[in-house]
Amino acid sequence: MPTKYLDGYEIEFTSELLPGTDQWGAYVAIFSPSDNPMHLAEVYSRQRVAADVTFSTAGDAEAEAEKAGMAILEQLRSSGT
């Protein structure tokens, strides 16, 4: 699963084949450091982003997930999470 690290946050962005179709969905999860250095705190649980959009390739879905993940992280940071 592709992962991007930014200012201590870990952004996981993935694609997943949607059941019963040949289309792909884009998914994001975001984690931050926790008090325990062996674990990360989940600040945005794995969710489908761009839920009304399907993608014809896994790569297109992952690119959208990465873009959405960066936007979600900016929202989290501005809210103080």
N, C-alpha and C. Protein backbone atom coordinates (compact mmCIF):
# COMPACT_ATOMS: atom_id res chain seq x y z
N MET A 1 0.84 -1.16 0.00
CA MET A 1 0.00 0.00 0.00
C MET A 1 0.89 1.23 0.00
N PRO A 2 0.65 2.14 -0.93
CA PRO A 2 1.47 3.36 -0.97
C PRO A 2 1.29 4.19 0.29
N THR A 3 2.37 4.74 0.77
CA THR A 3 2.35 5.54 1.99
C THR A 3 3.20 6.78 1.79
N LYS A 4 2.71 7.89 2.32
CA LYS A 4 3.45 9.14 2.25
C LYS A 4 3.60 9.64 3.68
N TYR A 5 4.78 10.16 4.01
CA TYR A 5 5.05 10.70 5.34
C TYR A 5 5.22 12.21 5.22
N LEU A 6 4.52 12.95 6.09
CA LEU A 6 4.59 14.40 6.04
C LEU A 6 4.45 14.96 7.44
N ASP A 7 5.49 15.61 7.93
CA ASP A 7 5.46 16.26 9.25
C ASP A 7 4.98 15.33 10.36
N GLY A 8 5.42 14.09 10.35
CA GLY A 8 5.06 13.14 11.39
C GLY A 8 3.78 12.37 11.11
N TYR A 9 3.03 12.77 10.11
CA TYR A 9 1.82 12.05 9.74
C TYR A 9 2.15 10.97 8.71
N GLU A 10 1.41 9.90 8.77
CA GLU A 10 1.52 8.83 7.78
C GLU A 10 0.20 8.77 7.02
N ILE A 11 0.26 8.95 5.73
CA ILE A 11 -0.94 8.92 4.89
C ILE A 11 -0.87 7.66 4.04
N GLU A 12 -1.85 6.78 4.22
CA GLU A 12 -1.93 5.56 3.41
C GLU A 12 -3.01 5.79 2.35
N PHE A 13 -2.64 5.64 1.10
CA PHE A 13 -3.62 5.80 0.03
C PHE A 13 -3.61 4.55 -0.82
N THR A 14 -4.80 4.04 -1.04
CA THR A 14 -4.91 2.76 -1.75
C THR A 14 -6.05 2.80 -2.75
N SER A 15 -6.04 1.82 -3.62
CA SER A 15 -7.16 1.59 -4.53
C SER A 15 -7.70 0.20 -4.23
N GLU A 16 -8.96 0.03 -4.50
CA GLU A 16 -9.58 -1.27 -4.25
C GLU A 16 -10.63 -1.52 -5.34
N LEU A 17 -10.60 -2.71 -5.90
CA LEU A 17 -11.58 -3.08 -6.91
C LEU A 17 -12.95 -3.13 -6.24
N LEU A 18 -13.91 -2.42 -6.81
CA LEU A 18 -15.25 -2.36 -6.23
C LEU A 18 -16.01 -3.65 -6.54
N PRO A 19 -16.68 -4.21 -5.55
CA PRO A 19 -17.36 -5.50 -5.73
C PRO A 19 -18.35 -5.48 -6.89
N GLY A 20 -18.29 -6.51 -7.70
CA GLY A 20 -19.22 -6.68 -8.81
C GLY A 20 -18.98 -5.78 -10.00
N THR A 21 -17.82 -5.10 -10.02
CA THR A 21 -17.52 -4.20 -11.13
C THR A 21 -16.07 -4.40 -11.57
N ASP A 22 -15.73 -3.71 -12.64
CA ASP A 22 -14.32 -3.67 -13.04
C ASP A 22 -13.76 -2.26 -12.81
N GLN A 23 -14.37 -1.55 -11.86
CA GLN A 23 -13.98 -0.19 -11.52
C GLN A 23 -13.28 -0.17 -10.16
N TRP A 24 -12.50 0.86 -9.93
CA TRP A 24 -11.70 1.00 -8.72
C TRP A 24 -12.19 2.16 -7.87
N GLY A 25 -12.08 2.02 -6.55
CA GLY A 25 -12.37 3.08 -5.61
C GLY A 25 -11.08 3.56 -4.97
N ALA A 26 -11.09 4.80 -4.48
CA ALA A 26 -9.93 5.42 -3.84
C ALA A 26 -10.16 5.49 -2.33
N TYR A 27 -9.16 5.08 -1.54
CA TYR A 27 -9.27 5.00 -0.08
C TYR A 27 -8.09 5.69 0.59
N VAL A 28 -8.36 6.31 1.76
CA VAL A 28 -7.33 7.01 2.51
C VAL A 28 -7.47 6.70 4.01
N ALA A 29 -6.32 6.57 4.68
CA ALA A 29 -6.25 6.51 6.14
C ALA A 29 -5.07 7.39 6.55
N ILE A 30 -5.22 8.08 7.70
CA ILE A 30 -4.16 8.97 8.17
C ILE A 30 -3.86 8.67 9.63
N PHE A 31 -2.58 8.61 9.94
CA PHE A 31 -2.10 8.31 11.30
C PHE A 31 -1.14 9.40 11.75
N SER A 32 -1.07 9.59 13.07
CA SER A 32 -0.11 10.54 13.63
C SER A 32 0.66 9.84 14.74
N PRO A 33 1.77 10.43 15.17
CA PRO A 33 2.52 9.83 16.27
C PRO A 33 1.65 9.72 17.53
N SER A 34 1.95 8.74 18.36
CA SER A 34 1.23 8.58 19.63
C SER A 34 2.23 8.62 20.77
N ASP A 35 1.72 8.50 21.99
CA ASP A 35 2.61 8.48 23.16
C ASP A 35 3.49 7.25 23.17
N ASN A 36 3.04 6.18 22.54
CA ASN A 36 3.80 4.95 22.45
C ASN A 36 4.56 4.95 21.12
N PRO A 37 5.87 4.98 21.14
CA PRO A 37 6.63 5.05 19.89
C PRO A 37 6.48 3.83 18.99
N MET A 38 5.88 2.77 19.51
CA MET A 38 5.69 1.55 18.71
C MET A 38 4.38 1.57 17.94
N HIS A 39 3.54 2.58 18.17
CA HIS A 39 2.22 2.62 17.55
C HIS A 39 1.92 4.01 17.01
N LEU A 40 1.02 4.07 16.06
CA LEU A 40 0.54 5.33 15.54
C LEU A 40 -0.91 5.52 15.97
N ALA A 41 -1.32 6.77 16.10
CA ALA A 41 -2.71 7.07 16.42
C ALA A 41 -3.47 7.30 15.11
N GLU A 42 -4.59 6.65 14.96
CA GLU A 42 -5.39 6.82 13.76
C GLU A 42 -6.21 8.10 13.91
N VAL A 43 -5.96 9.08 13.05
CA VAL A 43 -6.69 10.34 13.11
C VAL A 43 -7.73 10.45 12.01
N TYR A 44 -7.65 9.58 11.02
CA TYR A 44 -8.64 9.52 9.94
C TYR A 44 -8.72 8.05 9.53
N SER A 45 -9.80 7.41 9.93
CA SER A 45 -9.92 5.97 9.64
C SER A 45 -10.08 5.75 8.14
N ARG A 46 -9.68 4.57 7.70
CA ARG A 46 -9.72 4.23 6.28
C ARG A 46 -11.12 4.44 5.74
N GLN A 47 -11.22 5.31 4.74
CA GLN A 47 -12.50 5.62 4.13
C GLN A 47 -12.33 5.79 2.64
N ARG A 48 -13.41 5.52 1.95
CA ARG A 48 -13.40 5.77 0.52
C ARG A 48 -13.57 7.26 0.30
N VAL A 49 -12.71 7.82 -0.52
CA VAL A 49 -12.78 9.23 -0.87
C VAL A 49 -13.28 9.33 -2.31
N ALA A 50 -13.82 10.47 -2.67
CA ALA A 50 -14.43 10.61 -3.99
C ALA A 50 -15.43 9.47 -4.19
N ALA A 51 -16.31 9.31 -3.20
CA ALA A 51 -17.22 8.15 -3.17
C ALA A 51 -18.16 8.08 -4.36
N ASP A 52 -18.42 9.18 -5.01
CA ASP A 52 -19.31 9.17 -6.16
C ASP A 52 -18.57 8.99 -7.48
N VAL A 53 -17.26 8.72 -7.38
CA VAL A 53 -16.43 8.56 -8.57
C VAL A 53 -15.81 7.17 -8.58
N THR A 54 -15.81 6.53 -9.74
CA THR A 54 -15.08 5.28 -9.91
C THR A 54 -13.97 5.52 -10.93
N PHE A 55 -12.97 4.66 -10.87
CA PHE A 55 -11.80 4.82 -11.73
C PHE A 55 -11.59 3.54 -12.54
N SER A 56 -11.11 3.72 -13.75
CA SER A 56 -10.93 2.55 -14.62
C SER A 56 -9.63 1.81 -14.34
N THR A 57 -8.69 2.47 -13.63
CA THR A 57 -7.43 1.79 -13.29
C THR A 57 -7.10 2.00 -11.82
N ALA A 58 -6.36 1.06 -11.26
CA ALA A 58 -5.91 1.17 -9.88
C ALA A 58 -5.02 2.40 -9.70
N GLY A 59 -4.18 2.68 -10.67
CA GLY A 59 -3.28 3.83 -10.60
C GLY A 59 -4.03 5.15 -10.53
N ASP A 60 -5.10 5.28 -11.31
CA ASP A 60 -5.91 6.50 -11.27
C ASP A 60 -6.56 6.67 -9.90
N ALA A 61 -7.05 5.57 -9.34
CA ALA A 61 -7.68 5.62 -8.02
C ALA A 61 -6.66 5.99 -6.95
N GLU A 62 -5.46 5.43 -7.03
CA GLU A 62 -4.42 5.77 -6.04
C GLU A 62 -4.01 7.22 -6.16
N ALA A 63 -3.92 7.74 -7.36
CA ALA A 63 -3.56 9.16 -7.54
C ALA A 63 -4.62 10.05 -6.92
N GLU A 64 -5.89 9.73 -7.10
CA GLU A 64 -6.97 10.51 -6.49
C GLU A 64 -6.93 10.38 -4.97
N ALA A 65 -6.66 9.18 -4.48
CA ALA A 65 -6.57 8.97 -3.03
C ALA A 65 -5.43 9.79 -2.44
N GLU A 66 -4.30 9.84 -3.11
CA GLU A 66 -3.17 10.63 -2.62
C GLU A 66 -3.54 12.11 -2.58
N LYS A 67 -4.17 12.60 -3.62
CA LYS A 67 -4.58 14.01 -3.66
C LYS A 67 -5.59 14.31 -2.55
N ALA A 68 -6.57 13.43 -2.38
CA ALA A 68 -7.58 13.62 -1.33
C ALA A 68 -6.94 13.54 0.05
N GLY A 69 -5.99 12.63 0.23
CA GLY A 69 -5.32 12.48 1.52
C GLY A 69 -4.59 13.74 1.93
N MET A 70 -3.96 14.39 0.98
CA MET A 70 -3.26 15.64 1.28
C MET A 70 -4.25 16.73 1.69
N ALA A 71 -5.39 16.80 1.02
CA ALA A 71 -6.42 17.79 1.37
C ALA A 71 -7.01 17.50 2.75
N ILE A 72 -7.25 16.23 3.04
CA ILE A 72 -7.80 15.84 4.35
C ILE A 72 -6.79 16.18 5.45
N LEU A 73 -5.51 15.91 5.21
CA LEU A 73 -4.49 16.24 6.20
C LEU A 73 -4.47 17.74 6.47
N GLU A 74 -4.58 18.55 5.46
CA GLU A 74 -4.60 20.00 5.67
C GLU A 74 -5.80 20.41 6.53
N GLN A 75 -6.95 19.79 6.31
CA GLN A 75 -8.13 20.07 7.14
C GLN A 75 -7.89 19.65 8.58
N LEU A 76 -7.29 18.48 8.77
CA LEU A 76 -7.00 18.01 10.13
C LEU A 76 -6.04 18.94 10.84
N ARG A 77 -5.03 19.37 10.13
CA ARG A 77 -4.03 20.26 10.73
C ARG A 77 -4.64 21.60 11.10
N SER A 78 -5.52 22.12 10.28
CA SER A 78 -6.13 23.41 10.57
C SER A 78 -7.12 23.33 11.73
N SER A 79 -7.64 22.11 11.98
CA SER A 79 -8.57 21.93 13.11
C SER A 79 -7.81 21.56 14.40
N GLY A 80 -6.50 21.37 14.28
CA GLY A 80 -5.68 21.09 15.46
C GLY A 80 -5.56 19.63 15.83
N THR A 81 -5.93 18.72 14.94
CA THR A 81 -5.84 17.28 15.23
C THR A 81 -4.43 16.79 15.06
